Amino acid sequence: MLKRDAIKDKIFTILNSANEPLETKEIAEKLKQKKITTTRTKIFYRLNILRGEGKIKGKFTGPGKGVWIWWRTNAFK
């Protein structure tokens, strides 16, 4: 039996309710507003898990270190 991941579930909820793509930083801020404290590394890890499961999409943008943006899979259909 798989253990539920509350952080992953909240991230998925945030992205599903968003009307536009969000940066990793924006997702971290929204989690903080919901009283969920975690590191950006853990958030990024869970975002990549959701992307691997096909539930969300993500893209690296910008020069240098750049920024990742994330959106729900069916956002632009």
C-alpha atoms as a PDB file:
ATOM      1  CA  MET A   1       0.000   0.000   0.000  1.00  0.00           C
ATOM      2  CA  LEU A   2       1.395   3.398  -0.999  1.00  0.00           C
ATOM      3  CA  LYS A   3       1.683   6.202   1.515  1.00  0.00           C
ATOM      4  CA  ARG A   4      -0.031   9.480   0.541  1.00  0.00           C
ATOM      5  CA  ASP A   5       2.254  12.457   0.036  1.00  0.00           C
ATOM      6  CA  ALA A   6       0.560  15.588   1.397  1.00  0.00           C
ATOM      7  CA  ILE A   7       3.047  17.975  -0.209  1.00  0.00           C
ATOM      8  CA  LYS A   8       2.640  16.380  -3.631  1.00  0.00           C
ATOM      9  CA  ASP A   9      -1.159  16.491  -3.264  1.00  0.00           C
ATOM     10  CA  LYS A  10      -1.102  20.207  -2.324  1.00  0.00           C
ATOM     11  CA  ILE A  11       1.209  21.042  -5.240  1.00  0.00           C
ATOM     12  CA  PHE A  12      -1.138  19.239  -7.624  1.00  0.00           C
ATOM     13  CA  THR A  13      -4.125  21.129  -6.166  1.00  0.00           C
ATOM     14  CA  ILE A  14      -2.320  24.468  -6.554  1.00  0.00           C
ATOM     15  CA  LEU A  15      -1.459  23.780 -10.193  1.00  0.00           C
ATOM     16  CA  ASN A  16      -4.967  22.534 -10.986  1.00  0.00           C
ATOM     17  CA  SER A  17      -6.517  25.711  -9.611  1.00  0.00           C
ATOM     18  CA  ALA A  18      -4.059  28.047 -11.368  1.00  0.00           C
ATOM     19  CA  ASN A  19      -5.160  29.815 -14.534  1.00  0.00           C
ATOM     20  CA  GLU A  20      -1.577  30.247 -15.738  1.00  0.00           C
ATOM     21  CA  PRO A  21       1.766  28.467 -15.479  1.00  0.00           C
ATOM     22  CA  LEU A  22       3.562  28.951 -12.158  1.00  0.00           C
ATOM     23  CA  GLU A  23       7.246  29.150 -11.349  1.00  0.00           C
ATOM     24  CA  THR A  24       8.716  26.873  -8.691  1.00  0.00           C
ATOM     25  CA  LYS A  25       9.140  29.947  -6.466  1.00  0.00           C
ATOM     26  CA  GLU A  26       5.443  30.841  -6.784  1.00  0.00           C
ATOM     27  CA  ILE A  27       4.426  27.301  -5.844  1.00  0.00           C
ATOM     28  CA  ALA A  28       6.701  27.482  -2.784  1.00  0.00           C
ATOM     29  CA  GLU A  29       5.048  30.753  -1.742  1.00  0.00           C
ATOM     30  CA  LYS A  30       1.549  29.289  -2.107  1.00  0.00           C
ATOM     31  CA  LEU A  31       2.556  26.276   0.001  1.00  0.00           C
ATOM     32  CA  LYS A  32       3.932  28.625   2.652  1.00  0.00           C
ATOM     33  CA  GLN A  33       0.582  30.475   2.699  1.00  0.00           C
ATOM     34  CA  LYS A  34      -1.097  27.122   3.379  1.00  0.00           C
ATOM     35  CA  LYS A  35       1.269  26.607   6.367  1.00  0.00           C
ATOM     36  CA  ILE A  36       3.265  23.855   4.644  1.00  0.00           C
ATOM     37  CA  THR A  37       6.957  24.340   5.282  1.00  0.00           C
ATOM     38  CA  THR A  38       9.411  22.512   3.076  1.00  0.00           C
ATOM     39  CA  THR A  39      12.485  23.283   1.002  1.00  0.00           C
ATOM     40  CA  ARG A  40      12.465  24.270  -2.654  1.00  0.00           C
ATOM     41  CA  THR A  41      14.527  21.162  -3.364  1.00  0.00           C
ATOM     42  CA  LYS A  42      11.765  18.927  -1.999  1.00  0.00           C
ATOM     43  CA  ILE A  43       9.146  20.894  -3.928  1.00  0.00           C
ATOM     44  CA  PHE A  44      11.170  20.542  -7.134  1.00  0.00           C
ATOM     45  CA  TYR A  45      11.544  16.788  -6.474  1.00  0.00           C
ATOM     46  CA  ARG A  46       7.798  16.354  -6.117  1.00  0.00           C
ATOM     47  CA  LEU A  47       7.104  18.491  -9.174  1.00  0.00           C
ATOM     48  CA  ASN A  48       9.327  16.172 -11.189  1.00  0.00           C
ATOM     49  CA  ILE A  49       7.511  13.135  -9.796  1.00  0.00           C
ATOM     50  CA  LEU A  50       4.181  14.647 -10.899  1.00  0.00           C
ATOM     51  CA  ARG A  51       5.701  15.404 -14.313  1.00  0.00           C
ATOM     52  CA  GLY A  52       6.947  11.824 -14.589  1.00  0.00           C
ATOM     53  CA  GLU A  53       3.455  10.546 -13.765  1.00  0.00           C
ATOM     54  CA  GLY A  54       2.079  12.706 -16.594  1.00  0.00           C
ATOM     55  CA  LYS A  55      -0.119  14.781 -14.290  1.00  0.00           C
ATOM     56  CA  ILE A  56       1.644  18.088 -14.959  1.00  0.00           C
ATOM     57  CA  LYS A  57       4.075  19.551 -17.461  1.00  0.00           C
ATOM     58  CA  GLY A  58       7.168  21.621 -16.839  1.00  0.00           C
ATOM     59  CA  LYS A  59       9.673  23.607 -18.846  1.00  0.00           C
ATOM     60  CA  PHE A  60      13.065  25.125 -18.134  1.00  0.00           C
ATOM     61  CA  THR A  61      13.222  28.732 -19.325  1.00  0.00           C
ATOM     62  CA  GLY A  62      15.670  31.582 -19.233  1.00  0.00           C
ATOM     63  CA  PRO A  63      19.425  31.964 -19.515  1.00  0.00           C
ATOM     64  CA  GLY A  64      21.988  30.859 -16.944  1.00  0.00           C
ATOM     65  CA  LYS A  65      20.374  29.135 -14.002  1.00  0.00           C
ATOM     66  CA  GLY A  66      16.987  29.858 -15.504  1.00  0.00           C
ATOM     67  CA  VAL A  67      13.573  29.122 -14.056  1.00  0.00           C
ATOM     68  CA  TRP A  68      11.226  26.154 -14.231  1.00  0.00           C
ATOM     69  CA  ILE A  69       7.569  26.832 -15.013  1.00  0.00           C
ATOM     70  CA  TRP A  70       4.831  24.276 -14.337  1.00  0.00           C
ATOM     71  CA  TRP A  71       1.237  23.793 -15.498  1.00  0.00           C
ATOM     72  CA  ARG A  72      -1.461  21.144 -15.492  1.00  0.00           C
ATOM     73  CA  THR A  73      -1.381  18.722 -18.422  1.00  0.00           C
ATOM     74  CA  ASN A  74      -4.646  19.865 -20.041  1.00  0.00           C
ATOM     75  CA  ALA A  75      -4.191  23.602 -19.392  1.00  0.00           C
ATOM     76  CA  PHE A  76      -3.911  24.717 -23.010  1.00  0.00           C
ATOM     77  CA  LYS A  77      -6.297  22.407 -24.837  1.00  0.00           C
END
